[in-house]
Every structure is written in structure tokens, then in C-alpha cells.
Amino acid sequence: MRRTRYHGLDSLRTQFEEKKHAIRERLEAFRRIPQDEYFFELAYCILTPQSSAVHAAAAVEALRRARCFNRPERSAKILRRRAYYVRFHNTKAAHLAHAWKHFPEVAERLASPAPGNDLRIWLVRNVRGLGWKEASHFLRNIGFRDLAILDRHILRNLLDQGVLQRSRQRLRRSAIAPLKTASDALPARQGSRWTSSTFSSGAERRDRFSNNGDLQ
């Protein structure tokens, strides 16, 4: 599939006008996800890193049928089946068991009035196996719309347009600290530039967390 290359904000806005209704319909569908499906959305996001999204979705359904999220040995056997193979199946099975055990605390936090970015920080700190991008995907998938999800495809386009002024190698290392809100994802006017200060350093990210409310 040929990848669209944007040559400025005008081109990007044109593409958005063509696709905005489909985008908004999809976002509304996410908003309608029932709360009793939240854990399975979380499980999907735990399984997707470095694995096929199709396999991860199929694996979640298989685990649901087997009712073994809390049994990592059984889960790992399912995750390594060829039909829905998931990399690092032993580690991810353990992460699923931890998420299952502590999901009441997760659900309570999700029901709080905290903004999306605060919830993302808490999820990254407390849910094993969930990184910045995965936490953002999870929150988006249950209806939150105030977060930017910066994957390698988005970052590549920002580099191609000259919005970001960093090497690809350095950018990959810093991409684990996404920008705080979706409105930050693109400068307000053409010609703006991001610098290294846009991204949090490792020390700055650690300083944002406290010991209060951490899961063990």
C-alpha cells in the first residue's frame, strides 16, 4: 500500500476533510464500548507490542473462551499456538494474570474524574507490560479523546515534514514519552518546530510518579 506523504498542513487538512467522518464514527464507536469489556481491551493492548494485532485480538478471544487470564501457565500455552502466536508469551501471560488480579483497582481509577493524561501516567506506572503507546491505545479504545498516540508511522511523517528536527535513531529512543494531549500532536501553525525539550527525559518521567497508589 502506497504511503501518503504530506507536503504541508494544507495537504494534511485536505486528507482530514476526506476522512473526518469515518474517523469520528470510529471514535464514537470506541466511546460506546461497555465497561465490562474494558479488561479485554486492556489485555489486547498488553499483547500487541512486537506482535500482530490480528493475532493479539484472536488470542484475547481464545483466552476468554478458556477463562484462564488468571492462570499464566495455561495462558502461555494458548499464546504460543500458531493460529495466534504472540511473542514473549510467558512474560505477557504473567502480565495478564497481574492485570486480572488488580483490575478492580484499574476500574476504580478509570471511573475517577482524572483527565486522560493522568490516567495514562498511572497505567504506565501500575500495569505491567503497558508502555506509553499501549496505555494511550487502551484509553483511546475505551473512549478517551484527549491523548496523542505517537507510533513510528506518525513520527516518521513528522520527520518527513520537517516538524521534528531529530535523527530517527534518537527519536525512537525518546518516543516512549508521547506528548501530553492530542492538541499537542501538531504545531498550531506551519513552520513550527519541536526540539528535544518537547520530550521528557527518563529522569523527568520518573519524577512525575509518586509511590501513592502503586500496585505491587
N, C-alpha and C. Protein backbone atom coordinates (compact mmCIF):
# COMPACT_ATOMS: atom_id res chain seq x y z
N MET A 1 0.83 -1.19 0.00
CA MET A 1 0.00 0.00 0.00
C MET A 1 0.87 1.25 0.00
N ARG A 2 0.57 2.17 -0.90
CA ARG A 2 1.39 3.37 -1.01
C ARG A 2 1.11 4.32 0.14
N ARG A 3 2.17 4.75 0.80
CA ARG A 3 2.02 5.63 1.95
C ARG A 3 1.89 7.08 1.52
N THR A 4 0.87 7.76 2.05
CA THR A 4 0.67 9.17 1.73
C THR A 4 1.77 10.01 2.36
N ARG A 5 2.36 10.88 1.57
CA ARG A 5 3.38 11.79 2.09
C ARG A 5 2.80 13.19 2.04
N TYR A 6 2.74 13.83 3.19
CA TYR A 6 2.19 15.16 3.27
C TYR A 6 3.29 16.19 3.02
N HIS A 7 2.96 17.22 2.27
CA HIS A 7 3.94 18.26 1.95
C HIS A 7 3.61 19.58 2.64
N GLY A 8 2.82 19.52 3.68
CA GLY A 8 2.47 20.72 4.41
C GLY A 8 1.10 20.55 5.04
N LEU A 9 0.70 21.52 5.85
CA LEU A 9 -0.57 21.41 6.56
C LEU A 9 -1.76 21.45 5.62
N ASP A 10 -1.65 22.12 4.49
CA ASP A 10 -2.77 22.17 3.56
C ASP A 10 -3.10 20.76 3.06
N SER A 11 -2.07 20.01 2.70
CA SER A 11 -2.27 18.64 2.25
C SER A 11 -2.87 17.78 3.36
N LEU A 12 -2.38 17.97 4.58
CA LEU A 12 -2.88 17.21 5.71
C LEU A 12 -4.35 17.53 5.97
N ARG A 13 -4.70 18.82 5.91
CA ARG A 13 -6.08 19.23 6.14
C ARG A 13 -7.01 18.68 5.06
N THR A 14 -6.54 18.63 3.82
CA THR A 14 -7.34 18.07 2.74
C THR A 14 -7.65 16.61 2.99
N GLN A 15 -6.61 15.85 3.39
CA GLN A 15 -6.80 14.44 3.70
C GLN A 15 -7.76 14.26 4.87
N PHE A 16 -7.64 15.13 5.87
CA PHE A 16 -8.53 15.03 7.03
C PHE A 16 -9.98 15.31 6.64
N GLU A 17 -10.21 16.31 5.80
CA GLU A 17 -11.57 16.61 5.37
C GLU A 17 -12.21 15.41 4.67
N GLU A 18 -11.41 14.66 3.93
CA GLU A 18 -11.93 13.49 3.21
C GLU A 18 -12.26 12.34 4.16
N LYS A 19 -11.56 12.28 5.28
CA LYS A 19 -11.68 11.11 6.16
C LYS A 19 -12.29 11.41 7.52
N LYS A 20 -12.62 12.67 7.78
CA LYS A 20 -13.01 13.05 9.14
C LYS A 20 -14.27 12.35 9.62
N HIS A 21 -15.22 12.11 8.73
CA HIS A 21 -16.46 11.45 9.18
C HIS A 21 -16.20 10.01 9.61
N ALA A 22 -15.37 9.30 8.84
CA ALA A 22 -15.02 7.93 9.22
C ALA A 22 -14.24 7.92 10.53
N ILE A 23 -13.34 8.89 10.71
CA ILE A 23 -12.56 8.99 11.94
C ILE A 23 -13.47 9.22 13.13
N ARG A 24 -14.41 10.16 12.98
CA ARG A 24 -15.30 10.48 14.11
C ARG A 24 -16.26 9.34 14.42
N GLU A 25 -16.71 8.63 13.39
CA GLU A 25 -17.56 7.46 13.64
C GLU A 25 -16.80 6.40 14.42
N ARG A 26 -15.54 6.21 14.08
CA ARG A 26 -14.74 5.21 14.79
C ARG A 26 -14.52 5.62 16.24
N LEU A 27 -14.24 6.90 16.46
CA LEU A 27 -14.06 7.39 17.82
C LEU A 27 -15.34 7.24 18.65
N GLU A 28 -16.48 7.48 18.03
CA GLU A 28 -17.75 7.30 18.74
C GLU A 28 -17.99 5.84 19.07
N ALA A 29 -17.57 4.95 18.18
CA ALA A 29 -17.70 3.51 18.46
C ALA A 29 -16.87 3.13 19.68
N PHE A 30 -15.67 3.70 19.78
CA PHE A 30 -14.84 3.45 20.96
C PHE A 30 -15.54 3.94 22.22
N ARG A 31 -16.19 5.09 22.13
CA ARG A 31 -16.85 5.67 23.30
C ARG A 31 -17.99 4.77 23.80
N ARG A 32 -18.54 3.96 22.91
CA ARG A 32 -19.69 3.10 23.28
C ARG A 32 -19.26 1.74 23.81
N ILE A 33 -17.96 1.48 23.93
CA ILE A 33 -17.50 0.21 24.48
C ILE A 33 -18.03 0.06 25.91
N PRO A 34 -18.74 -1.02 26.23
CA PRO A 34 -19.26 -1.18 27.60
C PRO A 34 -18.14 -1.43 28.60
N GLN A 35 -18.38 -1.07 29.83
CA GLN A 35 -17.36 -1.19 30.86
C GLN A 35 -16.95 -2.64 31.11
N ASP A 36 -17.86 -3.58 30.89
CA ASP A 36 -17.48 -4.97 31.14
C ASP A 36 -16.55 -5.53 30.06
N GLU A 37 -16.24 -4.71 29.05
CA GLU A 37 -15.27 -5.09 28.03
C GLU A 37 -13.90 -4.44 28.26
N TYR A 38 -13.80 -3.58 29.27
CA TYR A 38 -12.56 -2.83 29.47
C TYR A 38 -11.37 -3.75 29.72
N PHE A 39 -11.56 -4.79 30.52
CA PHE A 39 -10.41 -5.65 30.80
C PHE A 39 -9.89 -6.29 29.52
N PHE A 40 -10.78 -6.70 28.64
CA PHE A 40 -10.36 -7.39 27.43
C PHE A 40 -9.67 -6.43 26.46
N GLU A 41 -10.07 -5.16 26.48
CA GLU A 41 -9.33 -4.14 25.72
C GLU A 41 -7.92 -3.97 26.31
N LEU A 42 -7.83 -3.99 27.63
CA LEU A 42 -6.53 -3.89 28.28
C LEU A 42 -5.65 -5.10 27.93
N ALA A 43 -6.25 -6.28 27.96
CA ALA A 43 -5.50 -7.49 27.62
C ALA A 43 -4.97 -7.41 26.19
N TYR A 44 -5.79 -6.94 25.29
CA TYR A 44 -5.37 -6.79 23.89
C TYR A 44 -4.16 -5.87 23.80
N CYS A 45 -4.19 -4.75 24.51
CA CYS A 45 -3.08 -3.79 24.46
C CYS A 45 -1.82 -4.34 25.11
N ILE A 46 -1.95 -5.21 26.09
CA ILE A 46 -0.78 -5.86 26.69
C ILE A 46 -0.14 -6.83 25.70
N LEU A 47 -0.95 -7.47 24.86
CA LEU A 47 -0.44 -8.49 23.94
C LEU A 47 0.14 -7.93 22.65
N THR A 48 -0.24 -6.73 22.25
CA THR A 48 0.14 -6.25 20.91
C THR A 48 1.61 -5.88 20.72
N PRO A 49 2.36 -5.40 21.73
CA PRO A 49 3.74 -4.99 21.44
C PRO A 49 4.57 -6.08 20.77
N GLN A 50 5.16 -5.72 19.63
CA GLN A 50 6.02 -6.61 18.84
C GLN A 50 5.30 -7.88 18.40
N SER A 51 3.99 -7.81 18.30
CA SER A 51 3.20 -8.95 17.84
C SER A 51 2.11 -8.44 16.90
N SER A 52 1.54 -9.35 16.12
CA SER A 52 0.48 -9.00 15.20
C SER A 52 -0.78 -8.59 15.95
N ALA A 53 -1.38 -7.47 15.53
CA ALA A 53 -2.64 -7.03 16.14
C ALA A 53 -3.74 -8.06 15.90
N VAL A 54 -3.72 -8.68 14.73
CA VAL A 54 -4.71 -9.70 14.41
C VAL A 54 -4.55 -10.90 15.34
N HIS A 55 -3.30 -11.33 15.56
CA HIS A 55 -3.04 -12.45 16.47
C HIS A 55 -3.43 -12.08 17.90
N ALA A 56 -3.14 -10.86 18.30
CA ALA A 56 -3.47 -10.44 19.66
C ALA A 56 -4.98 -10.47 19.89
N ALA A 57 -5.75 -9.98 18.91
CA ALA A 57 -7.21 -9.99 19.04
C ALA A 57 -7.74 -11.42 19.11
N ALA A 58 -7.20 -12.30 18.25
CA ALA A 58 -7.63 -13.69 18.27
C ALA A 58 -7.24 -14.37 19.57
N ALA A 59 -6.07 -14.03 20.10
CA ALA A 59 -5.61 -14.62 21.36
C ALA A 59 -6.52 -14.22 22.51
N VAL A 60 -6.93 -12.95 22.55
CA VAL A 60 -7.84 -12.50 23.61
C VAL A 60 -9.13 -13.32 23.58
N GLU A 61 -9.67 -13.55 22.38
CA GLU A 61 -10.90 -14.34 22.28
C GLU A 61 -10.67 -15.77 22.75
N ALA A 62 -9.52 -16.35 22.41
CA ALA A 62 -9.21 -17.71 22.86
C ALA A 62 -9.07 -17.77 24.38
N LEU A 63 -8.43 -16.77 24.95
CA LEU A 63 -8.27 -16.73 26.41
C LEU A 63 -9.62 -16.53 27.10
N ARG A 64 -10.50 -15.76 26.49
CA ARG A 64 -11.84 -15.57 27.05
C ARG A 64 -12.58 -16.90 27.08
N ARG A 65 -12.49 -17.65 25.99
CA ARG A 65 -13.19 -18.93 25.94
C ARG A 65 -12.62 -19.90 26.97
N ALA A 66 -11.30 -19.86 27.17
CA ALA A 66 -10.65 -20.77 28.12
C ALA A 66 -10.77 -20.29 29.57
N ARG A 67 -11.13 -19.03 29.75
CA ARG A 67 -11.27 -18.44 31.09
C ARG A 67 -10.02 -18.67 31.93
N CYS A 68 -8.89 -18.28 31.36
CA CYS A 68 -7.63 -18.58 32.05
C CYS A 68 -6.72 -17.36 32.19
N PHE A 69 -7.27 -16.15 32.15
CA PHE A 69 -6.43 -14.96 32.30
C PHE A 69 -5.64 -14.98 33.60
N ASN A 70 -6.19 -15.60 34.62
CA ASN A 70 -5.51 -15.65 35.92
C ASN A 70 -4.62 -16.86 36.08
N ARG A 71 -4.41 -17.64 35.01
CA ARG A 71 -3.55 -18.82 35.06
C ARG A 71 -2.47 -18.69 33.99
N PRO A 72 -1.35 -18.09 34.34
CA PRO A 72 -0.33 -17.77 33.33
C PRO A 72 0.22 -18.98 32.60
N GLU A 73 0.34 -20.14 33.27
CA GLU A 73 0.86 -21.32 32.58
C GLU A 73 -0.07 -21.73 31.44
N ARG A 74 -1.36 -21.73 31.71
CA ARG A 74 -2.35 -22.08 30.68
C ARG A 74 -2.40 -21.01 29.60
N SER A 75 -2.36 -19.75 30.01
CA SER A 75 -2.40 -18.64 29.03
C SER A 75 -1.22 -18.71 28.08
N ALA A 76 -0.04 -18.99 28.63
CA ALA A 76 1.17 -19.04 27.80
C ALA A 76 1.06 -20.11 26.73
N LYS A 77 0.48 -21.25 27.07
CA LYS A 77 0.31 -22.31 26.08
C LYS A 77 -0.59 -21.86 24.94
N ILE A 78 -1.62 -21.10 25.25
CA ILE A 78 -2.52 -20.59 24.21
C ILE A 78 -1.82 -19.54 23.37
N LEU A 79 -1.07 -18.66 24.02
CA LEU A 79 -0.42 -17.56 23.30
C LEU A 79 0.67 -18.03 22.34
N ARG A 80 1.19 -19.21 22.55
CA ARG A 80 2.23 -19.68 21.64
C ARG A 80 1.70 -20.60 20.53
N ARG A 81 0.39 -20.78 20.48
CA ARG A 81 -0.18 -21.55 19.38
C ARG A 81 -0.01 -20.79 18.06
N ARG A 82 0.19 -21.54 17.01
CA ARG A 82 0.49 -20.93 15.72
C ARG A 82 -0.65 -20.04 15.21
N ALA A 83 -1.87 -20.41 15.50
CA ALA A 83 -3.03 -19.67 14.98
C ALA A 83 -3.07 -18.23 15.48
N TYR A 84 -2.54 -17.98 16.66
CA TYR A 84 -2.50 -16.62 17.20
C TYR A 84 -1.25 -16.44 18.05
N TYR A 85 -0.13 -16.71 17.43
CA TYR A 85 1.15 -16.64 18.14
C TYR A 85 1.44 -15.20 18.59
N VAL A 86 1.82 -15.07 19.84
CA VAL A 86 2.18 -13.77 20.43
C VAL A 86 3.59 -13.91 20.99
N ARG A 87 4.46 -12.99 20.61
CA ARG A 87 5.84 -13.04 21.10
C ARG A 87 5.88 -12.78 22.61
N PHE A 88 6.92 -13.33 23.24
CA PHE A 88 7.13 -13.18 24.69
C PHE A 88 5.90 -13.67 25.46
N HIS A 89 5.38 -14.83 25.03
CA HIS A 89 4.11 -15.31 25.58
C HIS A 89 4.18 -15.60 27.08
N ASN A 90 5.32 -16.08 27.58
CA ASN A 90 5.41 -16.35 29.02
C ASN A 90 5.32 -15.06 29.83
N THR A 91 6.07 -14.06 29.39
CA THR A 91 6.06 -12.77 30.10
C THR A 91 4.68 -12.12 30.01
N LYS A 92 4.10 -12.14 28.82
CA LYS A 92 2.80 -11.49 28.65
C LYS A 92 1.70 -12.24 29.39
N ALA A 93 1.80 -13.55 29.48
CA ALA A 93 0.84 -14.31 30.27
C ALA A 93 0.90 -13.90 31.74
N ALA A 94 2.11 -13.69 32.24
CA ALA A 94 2.26 -13.22 33.62
C ALA A 94 1.68 -11.82 33.79
N HIS A 95 1.90 -10.96 32.79
CA HIS A 95 1.33 -9.61 32.86
C HIS A 95 -0.20 -9.66 32.87
N LEU A 96 -0.79 -10.55 32.08
CA LEU A 96 -2.25 -10.68 32.05
C LEU A 96 -2.78 -11.13 33.41
N ALA A 97 -2.08 -12.06 34.05
CA ALA A 97 -2.51 -12.53 35.36
C ALA A 97 -2.47 -11.40 36.39
N HIS A 98 -1.43 -10.60 36.32
CA HIS A 98 -1.31 -9.45 37.23
C HIS A 98 -2.43 -8.45 36.96
N ALA A 99 -2.71 -8.19 35.68
CA ALA A 99 -3.78 -7.25 35.33
C ALA A 99 -5.13 -7.77 35.80
N TRP A 100 -5.36 -9.06 35.65
CA TRP A 100 -6.63 -9.66 36.09
C TRP A 100 -6.80 -9.50 37.61
N LYS A 101 -5.74 -9.79 38.34
CA LYS A 101 -5.80 -9.71 39.80
C LYS A 101 -6.09 -8.29 40.27
N HIS A 102 -5.50 -7.31 39.60
CA HIS A 102 -5.60 -5.93 40.07
C HIS A 102 -6.60 -5.09 39.27
N PHE A 103 -7.37 -5.73 38.42
CA PHE A 103 -8.26 -4.93 37.58
C PHE A 103 -9.30 -4.14 38.37
N PRO A 104 -9.79 -4.61 39.53
CA PRO A 104 -10.70 -3.75 40.31
C PRO A 104 -10.10 -2.37 40.62
N GLU A 105 -8.79 -2.33 40.94
CA GLU A 105 -8.14 -1.04 41.16
C GLU A 105 -8.05 -0.23 39.88
N VAL A 106 -7.78 -0.91 38.77
CA VAL A 106 -7.73 -0.22 37.48
C VAL A 106 -9.09 0.36 37.15
N ALA A 107 -10.15 -0.44 37.31
CA ALA A 107 -11.50 0.02 37.01
C ALA A 107 -11.90 1.20 37.88
N GLU A 108 -11.50 1.15 39.15
CA GLU A 108 -11.80 2.27 40.05
C GLU A 108 -11.10 3.54 39.58
N ARG A 109 -9.86 3.41 39.14
CA ARG A 109 -9.12 4.58 38.65
C ARG A 109 -9.76 5.11 37.37
N LEU A 110 -10.19 4.23 36.49
CA LEU A 110 -10.81 4.66 35.25
C LEU A 110 -12.13 5.39 35.49
N ALA A 111 -12.81 5.04 36.58
CA ALA A 111 -14.09 5.68 36.91
C ALA A 111 -13.92 7.04 37.57
N SER A 112 -12.69 7.39 37.90
CA SER A 112 -12.42 8.67 38.55
C SER A 112 -12.53 9.80 37.52
N PRO A 113 -12.64 11.06 37.99
CA PRO A 113 -12.72 12.18 37.06
C PRO A 113 -11.35 12.63 36.53
N ALA A 114 -10.31 11.84 36.73
CA ALA A 114 -8.97 12.23 36.30
C ALA A 114 -8.91 12.38 34.79
N PRO A 115 -8.16 13.38 34.28
CA PRO A 115 -8.01 13.53 32.83
C PRO A 115 -7.22 12.38 32.23
N GLY A 116 -7.32 12.23 30.92
CA GLY A 116 -6.70 11.11 30.24
C GLY A 116 -5.21 11.01 30.48
N ASN A 117 -4.50 12.13 30.47
CA ASN A 117 -3.05 12.06 30.64
C ASN A 117 -2.66 11.56 32.03
N ASP A 118 -3.41 11.96 33.06
CA ASP A 118 -3.13 11.47 34.40
C ASP A 118 -3.39 9.97 34.49
N LEU A 119 -4.45 9.51 33.83
CA LEU A 119 -4.74 8.08 33.82
C LEU A 119 -3.65 7.32 33.08
N ARG A 120 -3.16 7.89 31.99
CA ARG A 120 -2.09 7.23 31.24
C ARG A 120 -0.84 7.07 32.11
N ILE A 121 -0.47 8.09 32.83
CA ILE A 121 0.70 8.01 33.71
C ILE A 121 0.50 6.91 34.74
N TRP A 122 -0.69 6.86 35.34
CA TRP A 122 -0.97 5.85 36.35
C TRP A 122 -0.91 4.45 35.75
N LEU A 123 -1.47 4.26 34.56
CA LEU A 123 -1.46 2.95 33.91
C LEU A 123 -0.04 2.49 33.61
N VAL A 124 0.77 3.37 33.07
CA VAL A 124 2.16 3.02 32.75
C VAL A 124 2.91 2.62 34.01
N ARG A 125 2.61 3.29 35.10
CA ARG A 125 3.31 3.03 36.36
C ARG A 125 2.84 1.74 37.03
N ASN A 126 1.58 1.39 36.81
CA ASN A 126 0.97 0.33 37.61
C ASN A 126 0.59 -0.95 36.87
N VAL A 127 0.41 -0.89 35.59
CA VAL A 127 0.01 -2.09 34.84
C VAL A 127 1.24 -2.67 34.14
N ARG A 128 1.64 -3.84 34.54
CA ARG A 128 2.84 -4.46 33.99
C ARG A 128 2.66 -4.75 32.50
N GLY A 129 3.69 -4.41 31.73
CA GLY A 129 3.65 -4.67 30.31
C GLY A 129 2.99 -3.59 29.48
N LEU A 130 2.55 -2.51 30.11
CA LEU A 130 1.87 -1.43 29.40
C LEU A 130 2.81 -0.23 29.31
N GLY A 131 3.22 0.12 28.09
CA GLY A 131 4.05 1.29 27.88
C GLY A 131 3.21 2.50 27.53
N TRP A 132 3.89 3.60 27.20
CA TRP A 132 3.18 4.85 26.90
C TRP A 132 2.22 4.68 25.73
N LYS A 133 2.70 4.09 24.64
CA LYS A 133 1.84 3.95 23.47
C LYS A 133 0.68 3.00 23.75
N GLU A 134 0.96 1.89 24.44
CA GLU A 134 -0.09 0.92 24.73
C GLU A 134 -1.13 1.50 25.69
N ALA A 135 -0.69 2.27 26.68
CA ALA A 135 -1.64 2.92 27.59
C ALA A 135 -2.51 3.92 26.83
N SER A 136 -1.90 4.64 25.90
CA SER A 136 -2.67 5.59 25.09
C SER A 136 -3.69 4.86 24.22
N HIS A 137 -3.27 3.75 23.61
CA HIS A 137 -4.20 2.97 22.79
C HIS A 137 -5.36 2.45 23.63
N PHE A 138 -5.06 1.94 24.81
CA PHE A 138 -6.11 1.42 25.68
C PHE A 138 -7.13 2.50 26.01
N LEU A 139 -6.65 3.66 26.43
CA LEU A 139 -7.57 4.74 26.79
C LEU A 139 -8.37 5.21 25.59
N ARG A 140 -7.72 5.29 24.42
CA ARG A 140 -8.45 5.66 23.21
C ARG A 140 -9.53 4.63 22.90
N ASN A 141 -9.20 3.34 23.11
CA ASN A 141 -10.12 2.27 22.78
C ASN A 141 -11.33 2.20 23.70
N ILE A 142 -11.29 2.88 24.84
CA ILE A 142 -12.45 2.92 25.72
C ILE A 142 -13.07 4.32 25.76
N GLY A 143 -12.70 5.16 24.78
CA GLY A 143 -13.43 6.40 24.61
C GLY A 143 -12.72 7.69 24.93
N PHE A 144 -11.49 7.66 25.44
CA PHE A 144 -10.77 8.90 25.73
C PHE A 144 -10.25 9.51 24.43
N ARG A 145 -10.36 10.85 24.32
CA ARG A 145 -10.00 11.51 23.06
C ARG A 145 -9.01 12.65 23.27
N ASP A 146 -8.38 12.72 24.43
CA ASP A 146 -7.50 13.85 24.72
C ASP A 146 -6.04 13.44 24.75
N LEU A 147 -5.68 12.35 24.04
CA LEU A 147 -4.32 11.86 24.09
C LEU A 147 -3.75 11.72 22.68
N ALA A 148 -2.45 11.96 22.57
CA ALA A 148 -1.75 11.72 21.31
C ALA A 148 -1.10 10.34 21.38
N ILE A 149 -1.22 9.58 20.30
CA ILE A 149 -0.59 8.27 20.21
C ILE A 149 0.51 8.39 19.16
N LEU A 150 1.76 8.41 19.61
CA LEU A 150 2.88 8.61 18.70
C LEU A 150 3.57 7.28 18.43
N ASP A 151 3.19 6.62 17.33
CA ASP A 151 3.91 5.42 16.94
C ASP A 151 4.94 5.79 15.88
N ARG A 152 5.66 4.79 15.39
CA ARG A 152 6.76 5.07 14.46
C ARG A 152 6.25 5.64 13.14
N HIS A 153 5.02 5.32 12.75
CA HIS A 153 4.48 5.84 11.49
C HIS A 153 4.19 7.34 11.61
N ILE A 154 3.60 7.73 12.73
CA ILE A 154 3.33 9.15 12.97
C ILE A 154 4.64 9.91 13.06
N LEU A 155 5.59 9.38 13.81
CA LEU A 155 6.87 10.06 13.99
C LEU A 155 7.61 10.19 12.66
N ARG A 156 7.52 9.15 11.82
CA ARG A 156 8.18 9.22 10.52
C ARG A 156 7.59 10.34 9.66
N ASN A 157 6.27 10.46 9.67
CA ASN A 157 5.64 11.54 8.91
C ASN A 157 6.02 12.92 9.44
N LEU A 158 6.11 13.04 10.77
CA LEU A 158 6.51 14.33 11.35
C LEU A 158 7.95 14.67 10.97
N LEU A 159 8.81 13.66 10.94
CA LEU A 159 10.18 13.89 10.49
C LEU A 159 10.21 14.27 9.00
N ASP A 160 9.42 13.54 8.19
CA ASP A 160 9.41 13.81 6.76
C ASP A 160 8.96 15.23 6.45
N GLN A 161 8.04 15.75 7.26
CA GLN A 161 7.53 17.10 7.04
C GLN A 161 8.43 18.17 7.62
N GLY A 162 9.44 17.76 8.38
CA GLY A 162 10.32 18.73 9.00
C GLY A 162 9.78 19.33 10.27
N VAL A 163 8.68 18.76 10.79
CA VAL A 163 8.13 19.25 12.05
C VAL A 163 9.05 18.90 13.21
N LEU A 164 9.61 17.70 13.15
CA LEU A 164 10.58 17.27 14.15
C LEU A 164 11.98 17.40 13.59
N GLN A 165 12.89 17.91 14.38
CA GLN A 165 14.27 18.10 13.96
C GLN A 165 15.18 17.22 14.80
N ARG A 166 15.04 15.89 14.61
CA ARG A 166 15.88 14.96 15.36
C ARG A 166 16.19 13.79 14.46
N SER A 167 17.29 13.10 14.75
CA SER A 167 17.61 11.91 13.98
C SER A 167 16.61 10.81 14.30
N ARG A 168 16.40 9.89 13.35
CA ARG A 168 15.46 8.79 13.57
C ARG A 168 15.90 7.93 14.75
N GLN A 169 17.19 7.67 14.88
CA GLN A 169 17.66 6.81 15.96
C GLN A 169 17.38 7.43 17.31
N ARG A 170 17.69 8.71 17.47
CA ARG A 170 17.45 9.36 18.76
C ARG A 170 15.96 9.48 19.03
N LEU A 171 15.18 9.71 17.97
CA LEU A 171 13.75 9.87 18.15
C LEU A 171 13.11 8.58 18.64
N ARG A 172 13.55 7.46 18.15
CA ARG A 172 12.99 6.19 18.61
C ARG A 172 13.21 6.01 20.11
N ARG A 173 14.37 6.42 20.57
CA ARG A 173 14.64 6.26 22.00
C ARG A 173 13.75 7.16 22.83
N SER A 174 13.38 8.31 22.32
CA SER A 174 12.56 9.25 23.09
C SER A 174 11.08 9.07 22.86
N ALA A 175 10.70 8.20 21.92
CA ALA A 175 9.29 8.09 21.55
C ALA A 175 8.45 7.45 22.63
N ILE A 176 9.05 6.90 23.69
CA ILE A 176 8.27 6.32 24.76
C ILE A 176 7.62 7.38 25.63
N ALA A 177 7.92 8.64 25.42
CA ALA A 177 7.30 9.72 26.18
C ALA A 177 6.44 10.56 25.25
N PRO A 178 5.21 10.11 24.93
CA PRO A 178 4.38 10.85 24.00
C PRO A 178 4.00 12.21 24.55
N LEU A 179 3.61 13.10 23.67
CA LEU A 179 3.16 14.41 24.10
C LEU A 179 1.88 14.27 24.91
N LYS A 180 1.60 15.28 25.72
CA LYS A 180 0.57 15.12 26.73
C LYS A 180 -0.84 15.06 26.18
N THR A 181 -1.16 15.82 25.16
CA THR A 181 -2.53 15.85 24.65
C THR A 181 -2.53 15.78 23.15
N ALA A 182 -3.68 15.39 22.62
CA ALA A 182 -3.79 15.28 21.16
C ALA A 182 -3.59 16.64 20.50
N SER A 183 -3.96 17.72 21.16
CA SER A 183 -3.79 19.05 20.57
C SER A 183 -2.32 19.43 20.45
N ASP A 184 -1.44 18.72 21.18
CA ASP A 184 -0.01 18.98 21.08
C ASP A 184 0.63 18.27 19.88
N ALA A 185 -0.13 17.37 19.24
CA ALA A 185 0.48 16.48 18.26
C ALA A 185 0.93 17.17 17.00
N LEU A 186 0.44 18.37 16.72
CA LEU A 186 0.86 19.11 15.53
C LEU A 186 0.94 20.58 15.90
N PRO A 187 1.99 21.29 15.52
CA PRO A 187 2.10 22.71 15.85
C PRO A 187 0.93 23.50 15.29
N ALA A 188 0.58 24.57 15.96
CA ALA A 188 -0.59 25.35 15.58
C ALA A 188 -0.43 26.03 14.23
N ARG A 189 0.78 26.28 13.80
CA ARG A 189 0.97 26.94 12.52
C ARG A 189 2.11 26.28 11.77
N GLN A 190 2.04 26.32 10.48
CA GLN A 190 3.08 25.71 9.67
C GLN A 190 4.39 26.45 9.90
N GLY A 191 5.47 25.69 9.96
CA GLY A 191 6.77 26.29 10.17
C GLY A 191 7.24 26.15 11.60
N SER A 192 6.33 25.71 12.51
CA SER A 192 6.76 25.47 13.88
C SER A 192 7.69 24.28 13.92
N ARG A 193 8.53 24.22 14.94
CA ARG A 193 9.48 23.12 15.09
C ARG A 193 9.46 22.63 16.53
N TRP A 194 9.58 21.32 16.68
CA TRP A 194 9.77 20.76 18.01
C TRP A 194 11.25 20.60 18.26
N THR A 195 11.62 20.65 19.51
CA THR A 195 13.02 20.44 19.90
C THR A 195 13.06 19.31 20.90
N SER A 196 14.27 18.99 21.35
CA SER A 196 14.42 17.88 22.30
C SER A 196 13.68 18.16 23.59
N SER A 197 13.40 19.42 23.94
CA SER A 197 12.71 19.73 25.18
C SER A 197 11.25 19.32 25.13
N THR A 198 10.73 19.05 23.93
CA THR A 198 9.35 18.59 23.81
C THR A 198 9.16 17.25 24.48
N PHE A 199 10.19 16.41 24.49
CA PHE A 199 10.10 15.07 25.02
C PHE A 199 10.68 15.02 26.42
N SER A 200 10.01 14.27 27.32
CA SER A 200 10.52 14.14 28.68
C SER A 200 11.74 13.24 28.69
N SER A 201 12.70 13.56 29.53
CA SER A 201 13.83 12.66 29.73
C SER A 201 13.41 11.56 30.68
N GLY A 202 14.25 10.51 30.79
CA GLY A 202 13.94 9.42 31.70
C GLY A 202 13.79 9.91 33.13
N ALA A 203 14.69 10.78 33.57
CA ALA A 203 14.63 11.29 34.93
C ALA A 203 13.36 12.10 35.16
N GLU A 204 12.99 12.91 34.14
CA GLU A 204 11.77 13.71 34.28
C GLU A 204 10.54 12.83 34.35
N ARG A 205 10.53 11.73 33.57
CA ARG A 205 9.39 10.82 33.63
C ARG A 205 9.30 10.18 35.00
N ARG A 206 10.44 9.77 35.57
CA ARG A 206 10.41 9.14 36.89
C ARG A 206 9.92 10.13 37.94
N ASP A 207 10.27 11.41 37.80
CA ASP A 207 9.86 12.41 38.78
C ASP A 207 8.36 12.64 38.78
N ARG A 208 7.68 12.26 37.68
CA ARG A 208 6.24 12.50 37.59
C ARG A 208 5.46 11.48 38.40
N PHE A 209 6.12 10.41 38.85
CA PHE A 209 5.42 9.36 39.57
C PHE A 209 5.70 9.47 41.06
N SER A 210 4.70 9.12 41.87
CA SER A 210 4.91 9.02 43.30
C SER A 210 4.64 7.58 43.70
N ASN A 211 4.86 7.27 44.95
CA ASN A 211 4.59 5.92 45.43
C ASN A 211 3.14 5.71 45.80
N ASN A 212 2.35 6.78 45.79
CA ASN A 212 0.95 6.69 46.21
C ASN A 212 0.15 5.91 45.17
N GLY A 213 -0.58 4.90 45.61
CA GLY A 213 -1.47 4.16 44.73
C GLY A 213 -0.80 3.15 43.84
N ASP A 214 0.47 2.88 44.03
CA ASP A 214 1.15 1.90 43.18
C ASP A 214 0.65 0.50 43.49
N LEU A 215 0.52 -0.31 42.45
CA LEU A 215 0.18 -1.71 42.64
C LEU A 215 1.46 -2.50 42.85
N GLN A 216 1.41 -3.51 43.63
CA GLN A 216 2.57 -4.35 43.92
C GLN A 216 2.45 -5.66 43.15
